[in-house]
Protein backbone atom coordinates (compact mmCIF):
# COMPACT_ATOMS: atom_id res chain seq x y z
CA MET A 1 48.99 -39.95 -65.53
CA ALA A 2 50.12 -40.40 -61.94
CA GLN A 3 47.65 -39.80 -59.11
CA GLU A 4 48.15 -36.59 -57.31
CA VAL A 5 48.65 -36.70 -53.54
CA ALA A 6 47.80 -34.14 -50.89
CA VAL A 7 49.68 -34.66 -47.65
CA ILE A 8 47.93 -33.14 -44.53
CA ILE A 9 50.18 -33.21 -41.54
CA GLY A 10 48.04 -32.59 -38.48
CA SER A 11 44.39 -33.67 -38.37
CA GLY A 12 42.98 -31.06 -36.02
CA SER A 13 40.38 -28.49 -36.92
CA ILE A 14 42.56 -26.38 -39.21
CA GLY A 15 44.39 -29.28 -40.87
CA ALA A 16 41.05 -30.96 -41.62
CA ALA A 17 39.42 -27.77 -42.93
CA ILE A 18 42.39 -27.29 -45.37
CA GLY A 19 42.40 -30.94 -46.22
CA ARG A 20 38.77 -30.68 -47.50
CA ILE A 21 39.99 -28.06 -49.98
CA ALA A 22 43.49 -29.45 -50.97
CA GLY A 23 42.18 -33.01 -51.16
CA ILE A 24 39.53 -32.50 -53.78
CA GLY A 25 40.51 -34.83 -56.76
CA ARG A 26 43.59 -36.05 -54.91
CA ARG A 27 44.49 -38.95 -52.81
CA VAL A 28 44.78 -37.66 -49.32
CA LEU A 29 47.55 -38.82 -47.06
CA LEU A 30 46.57 -37.82 -43.59
CA ALA A 31 49.32 -37.90 -40.88
CA ASP A 32 49.15 -37.18 -37.12
CA TYR A 33 50.79 -38.00 -33.80
CA ASN A 34 47.45 -38.92 -32.14
CA GLN A 35 46.16 -42.17 -33.66
CA ASP A 36 42.57 -41.75 -32.29
CA ILE A 37 42.20 -38.26 -33.75
CA LEU A 38 43.81 -39.42 -36.94
CA ASN A 39 41.33 -42.29 -37.42
CA ALA A 40 38.37 -40.27 -36.46
CA VAL A 41 39.09 -37.40 -39.02
CA ALA A 42 39.99 -39.96 -41.64
CA GLY A 43 36.57 -41.55 -41.13
CA GLN A 44 34.81 -38.25 -41.43
CA LEU A 45 36.64 -37.32 -44.68
CA ARG A 46 35.97 -40.74 -46.23
CA GLY A 47 32.25 -40.28 -45.38
CA GLU A 48 32.48 -37.01 -47.30
CA GLY A 49 33.77 -38.77 -50.42
CA TYR A 50 37.57 -38.28 -50.02
CA ASP A 51 40.06 -41.01 -50.83
CA VAL A 52 42.08 -41.05 -47.52
CA THR A 53 44.94 -43.12 -46.15
CA THR A 54 46.50 -42.49 -42.75
CA HIS A 55 50.14 -42.48 -41.46
CA PRO A 56 51.04 -41.92 -37.84
CA VAL A 57 53.92 -39.58 -37.46
CA ASP A 58 55.83 -37.60 -34.88
CA ILE A 59 57.23 -34.61 -36.82
CA SER A 60 60.02 -34.13 -34.20
CA ASP A 61 61.42 -37.48 -35.42
CA HIS A 62 63.57 -37.07 -38.64
CA ASP A 63 63.39 -40.66 -39.64
CA ALA A 64 59.56 -40.64 -39.23
CA VAL A 65 59.18 -37.54 -41.37
CA ALA A 66 61.51 -39.00 -44.03
CA ALA A 67 59.42 -42.24 -44.11
CA LEU A 68 56.21 -40.14 -44.50
CA ALA A 69 57.72 -38.29 -47.46
CA ASP A 70 58.72 -41.55 -49.04
CA THR A 71 55.33 -43.01 -48.52
CA ALA A 72 53.68 -39.99 -50.22
CA ALA A 73 55.94 -40.04 -53.17
CA ALA A 74 55.34 -43.73 -53.58
CA ALA A 75 51.58 -43.01 -53.75
CA GLY A 76 51.75 -40.59 -56.59
CA ASP A 77 52.84 -36.95 -57.44
CA VAL A 78 52.91 -34.88 -54.22
CA THR A 79 51.28 -31.69 -55.24
CA ARG A 80 49.94 -30.35 -52.02
CA VAL A 81 51.60 -30.38 -48.52
CA VAL A 82 50.02 -28.89 -45.54
CA VAL A 83 51.74 -28.64 -42.14
CA ALA A 84 49.26 -28.05 -39.43
CA ALA A 85 50.76 -30.06 -36.62
CA GLY A 86 52.00 -28.49 -33.43
CA VAL A 87 51.80 -28.02 -29.70
CA SER A 88 50.82 -24.91 -27.76
CA PRO A 89 52.56 -23.39 -24.76
CA VAL A 90 49.91 -24.73 -22.31
CA GLN A 91 50.25 -28.20 -23.80
CA ALA A 92 53.96 -28.73 -23.78
CA THR A 93 57.34 -27.77 -22.20
CA THR A 94 59.88 -25.45 -23.70
CA GLU A 95 61.81 -28.44 -25.02
CA ARG A 96 58.80 -30.06 -26.63
CA VAL A 97 57.68 -26.87 -28.31
CA LEU A 98 61.12 -26.39 -29.83
CA HIS A 99 61.22 -30.06 -30.99
CA VAL A 100 57.76 -30.18 -32.47
CA ASP A 101 56.95 -26.57 -33.68
CA LEU A 102 60.44 -25.53 -34.85
CA LEU A 103 62.50 -28.60 -35.52
CA GLY A 104 59.62 -30.77 -36.76
CA THR A 105 58.55 -28.01 -39.23
CA ALA A 106 62.12 -27.82 -40.49
CA TYR A 107 62.20 -31.62 -41.04
CA VAL A 108 58.99 -31.45 -43.05
CA LEU A 109 60.30 -28.59 -45.27
CA GLU A 110 63.53 -30.43 -45.82
CA GLU A 111 62.08 -33.87 -46.56
CA PHE A 112 59.13 -32.83 -48.68
CA GLY A 113 61.47 -30.37 -50.50
CA ARG A 114 62.98 -33.45 -52.04
CA VAL A 115 59.70 -35.05 -53.22
CA ILE A 116 57.42 -32.31 -54.00
CA ALA A 117 56.21 -32.51 -57.61
CA GLN A 118 56.59 -29.88 -60.37
CA GLY A 119 53.87 -27.29 -59.91
CA GLY A 120 53.20 -28.46 -56.35
CA SER A 121 52.66 -26.13 -53.44
CA GLY A 122 52.70 -26.27 -49.60
CA VAL A 123 51.41 -24.29 -46.70
CA VAL A 124 52.93 -24.21 -43.10
CA ILE A 125 50.47 -23.06 -40.41
CA SER A 126 52.49 -20.90 -38.13
CA SER A 127 51.05 -18.35 -35.64
CA MET A 128 50.60 -14.66 -34.97
CA ALA A 129 52.97 -15.26 -32.05
CA GLY A 130 55.82 -15.09 -34.52
CA HIS A 131 54.82 -11.42 -35.12
CA MET A 132 54.74 -10.40 -31.52
CA GLY A 133 57.45 -8.35 -29.60
CA ASP A 134 60.30 -6.49 -31.06
CA GLY A 135 61.74 -9.28 -33.22
CA TYR A 136 65.17 -10.85 -32.95
CA LEU A 137 68.62 -9.78 -33.90
CA ARG A 138 69.54 -10.18 -37.65
CA GLU A 139 72.21 -12.84 -36.84
CA ILE A 140 69.56 -14.90 -34.92
CA GLU A 141 67.02 -14.71 -37.66
CA HIS A 142 69.73 -15.69 -40.23
CA ALA A 143 70.56 -18.66 -38.04
CA LEU A 144 66.96 -19.72 -37.61
CA ALA A 145 66.44 -19.55 -41.43
CA TYR A 146 69.59 -21.21 -42.69
CA THR A 147 71.23 -23.43 -40.08
CA PRO A 148 71.23 -27.06 -41.34
CA THR A 149 68.29 -28.85 -39.86
CA ALA A 150 70.41 -31.47 -37.98
CA GLU A 151 72.21 -28.67 -36.34
CA LEU A 152 69.30 -26.36 -35.59
CA LEU A 153 68.65 -27.17 -31.91
CA GLY A 154 72.29 -26.97 -31.24
CA LEU A 155 72.26 -23.21 -31.73
CA PRO A 156 73.32 -21.69 -28.40
CA PHE A 157 70.33 -19.34 -28.13
CA LEU A 158 68.02 -22.29 -28.50
CA ALA A 159 69.28 -23.92 -25.27
CA ALA A 160 66.27 -24.39 -22.98
CA ASP A 161 67.76 -22.10 -20.21
CA LYS A 162 68.41 -19.42 -22.79
CA VAL A 163 64.90 -19.50 -24.39
CA GLY A 164 62.82 -19.31 -21.22
CA ASP A 165 59.31 -20.64 -20.74
CA SER A 166 57.11 -22.46 -23.21
CA GLY A 167 55.49 -19.13 -24.32
CA ALA A 168 58.85 -17.72 -25.30
CA ALA A 169 59.71 -20.96 -26.98
CA TYR A 170 56.43 -20.81 -28.94
CA THR A 171 57.08 -17.26 -30.14
CA LEU A 172 60.56 -18.12 -31.17
CA ALA A 173 59.43 -21.36 -32.98
CA LYS A 174 56.75 -19.49 -35.00
CA ARG A 175 59.15 -16.74 -36.13
CA GLY A 176 61.46 -19.54 -37.07
CA ASN A 177 58.67 -21.13 -39.17
CA ALA A 178 58.20 -18.09 -41.37
CA LEU A 179 62.00 -17.67 -41.73
CA ARG A 180 62.60 -21.29 -42.74
CA VAL A 181 59.65 -21.18 -45.13
CA GLN A 182 61.19 -18.12 -46.84
CA ALA A 183 64.62 -20.01 -47.01
CA ALA A 184 62.97 -23.17 -48.28
CA ALA A 185 61.19 -21.29 -51.04
CA THR A 186 64.48 -21.36 -53.01
CA THR A 187 64.98 -25.16 -52.70
CA TRP A 188 61.29 -25.84 -53.44
CA GLY A 189 61.53 -23.41 -56.39
CA SER A 190 64.30 -25.43 -57.89
CA ARG A 191 61.74 -28.18 -58.25
CA GLY A 192 59.16 -25.90 -59.67
CA ALA A 193 57.14 -25.79 -56.46
CA ARG A 194 56.06 -23.13 -54.00
CA ILE A 195 55.90 -22.93 -50.15
CA ASN A 196 54.27 -20.32 -47.93
CA SER A 197 53.21 -19.97 -44.37
CA LEU A 198 50.04 -18.65 -42.61
CA SER A 199 50.09 -17.07 -39.20
CA PRO A 200 46.60 -17.32 -37.74
CA GLY A 201 45.50 -15.40 -34.63
CA ILE A 202 43.07 -16.91 -32.18
CA ILE A 203 41.16 -19.50 -34.04
CA SER A 204 38.38 -21.46 -32.45
CA THR A 205 39.93 -24.91 -32.18
CA PRO A 206 40.49 -27.33 -29.24
CA LEU A 207 44.03 -26.03 -28.93
CA ALA A 208 42.75 -22.47 -28.63
CA GLN A 209 40.24 -23.67 -26.04
CA ASP A 210 43.11 -25.16 -24.02
CA GLU A 211 44.76 -21.73 -24.05
CA MET A 212 41.50 -19.99 -23.22
CA SER A 213 41.24 -22.13 -20.01
CA GLY A 214 44.96 -21.82 -19.13
CA PRO A 215 47.00 -19.23 -17.24
CA PHE A 216 46.93 -16.81 -20.06
CA ALA A 217 43.25 -16.96 -20.51
CA GLU A 218 42.48 -13.33 -19.65
CA GLY A 219 45.22 -12.09 -22.06
CA TYR A 220 43.54 -14.03 -24.83
CA ARG A 221 40.13 -12.60 -24.06
CA ASN A 222 41.61 -9.14 -23.99
CA MET A 223 43.18 -9.74 -27.40
CA ILE A 224 39.88 -10.70 -28.86
CA ARG A 225 38.05 -7.67 -27.33
CA THR A 226 40.67 -5.28 -28.54
CA SER A 227 41.10 -6.57 -32.08
CA ALA A 228 39.36 -4.92 -34.98
CA ALA A 229 37.41 -8.12 -35.68
CA GLY A 230 36.34 -8.49 -32.07
CA ARG A 231 35.97 -12.27 -32.34
CA MET A 232 37.85 -15.53 -32.82
CA GLY A 233 38.58 -16.74 -36.25
CA THR A 234 37.20 -20.02 -37.70
CA PRO A 235 39.13 -22.94 -39.33
CA ALA A 236 37.16 -22.37 -42.44
CA GLU A 237 38.55 -18.85 -42.80
CA VAL A 238 42.02 -20.24 -42.48
CA ALA A 239 41.32 -22.97 -44.98
CA ALA A 240 40.00 -20.43 -47.56
CA ILE A 241 43.22 -18.46 -47.49
CA ALA A 242 45.31 -21.70 -47.57
CA GLY A 243 43.38 -22.81 -50.51
CA TYR A 244 44.15 -19.56 -52.35
CA LEU A 245 47.85 -19.96 -51.63
CA LEU A 246 47.94 -23.59 -52.61
CA GLY A 247 45.97 -23.16 -55.79
CA PRO A 248 46.67 -21.54 -59.21
CA GLU A 249 45.49 -18.11 -57.96
CA GLY A 250 48.54 -18.00 -55.71
CA ALA A 251 50.94 -18.97 -58.38
CA PHE A 252 53.12 -15.78 -57.95
CA ILE A 253 53.34 -16.23 -54.22
CA THR A 254 56.20 -18.17 -52.56
CA GLY A 255 58.37 -17.76 -49.45
CA SER A 256 55.77 -15.43 -47.92
CA ASP A 257 53.98 -15.42 -44.49
CA LEU A 258 50.45 -14.11 -44.33
CA LEU A 259 49.13 -12.74 -40.94
CA ILE A 260 45.44 -13.57 -40.50
CA ASP A 261 44.70 -12.48 -36.95
CA GLY A 262 41.62 -10.19 -36.95
CA GLY A 263 43.82 -7.23 -36.12
CA VAL A 264 45.46 -8.36 -32.95
CA ILE A 265 48.96 -7.47 -34.01
CA ALA A 266 47.79 -4.21 -35.39
CA ALA A 267 46.33 -3.32 -32.00
CA MET A 268 49.60 -4.27 -30.29
CA ARG A 269 51.59 -2.10 -32.68
CA ALA A 270 49.21 0.77 -31.95
CA GLY A 271 49.74 0.40 -28.24
CA GLN A 272 46.19 -0.69 -27.53
CA LEU A 273 47.38 -4.06 -26.03
């Protein structure tokens, strides 16, 4: 019987927390752009008893993602895939947000869609940002979902001067994540596998701390105060939901996006924000 492999792309707080659930009884292939963080988290997981190998990757590079998928498949049956890599509007330019958060996720869905094992499952960590605003025109959403990955950033409305600032790019990319996950559910399903996305709100991670000290800090604090939960979420809470979607309890769920934001979007819809 082949060894099962859990691929965790993004070794930040959320990726590591999900990895602790998805990696139980499996070989963990941990991938990240930042080599120092990758090695540090791999060391922590090994100290906790996990079988971990590492693989540096820039998910905005198609060849690099394809090589990661090939490496995972060579290690055993790929039964879990977690995409928790990304950049925030404070951390990156409009172009970088689109290349990493939108195109990079599309690359992962495509390449791991060809190696995911029968009965396997995946989760993409998106964001509540994809639920903000009034949405996009039907033709734009269809293009975000179904345009071939190699042509995705060639869409006219994704030109940097059309998108706007990095915040607008982030919202668009995260909406695109949910749409491409829904589209990928059919191709993953043809292999007997499932794929879903999670849209967390403000989770206490280093990325969120960057945002809380950036130009939109007061807006973030206001979202927390106004939300029903009245607090930030934790990586453990995101991991618990991801574990449900990845595991047998979530066997009837695929192509879905689950909003876990403590009620921020509900407050926005009610006009409280």
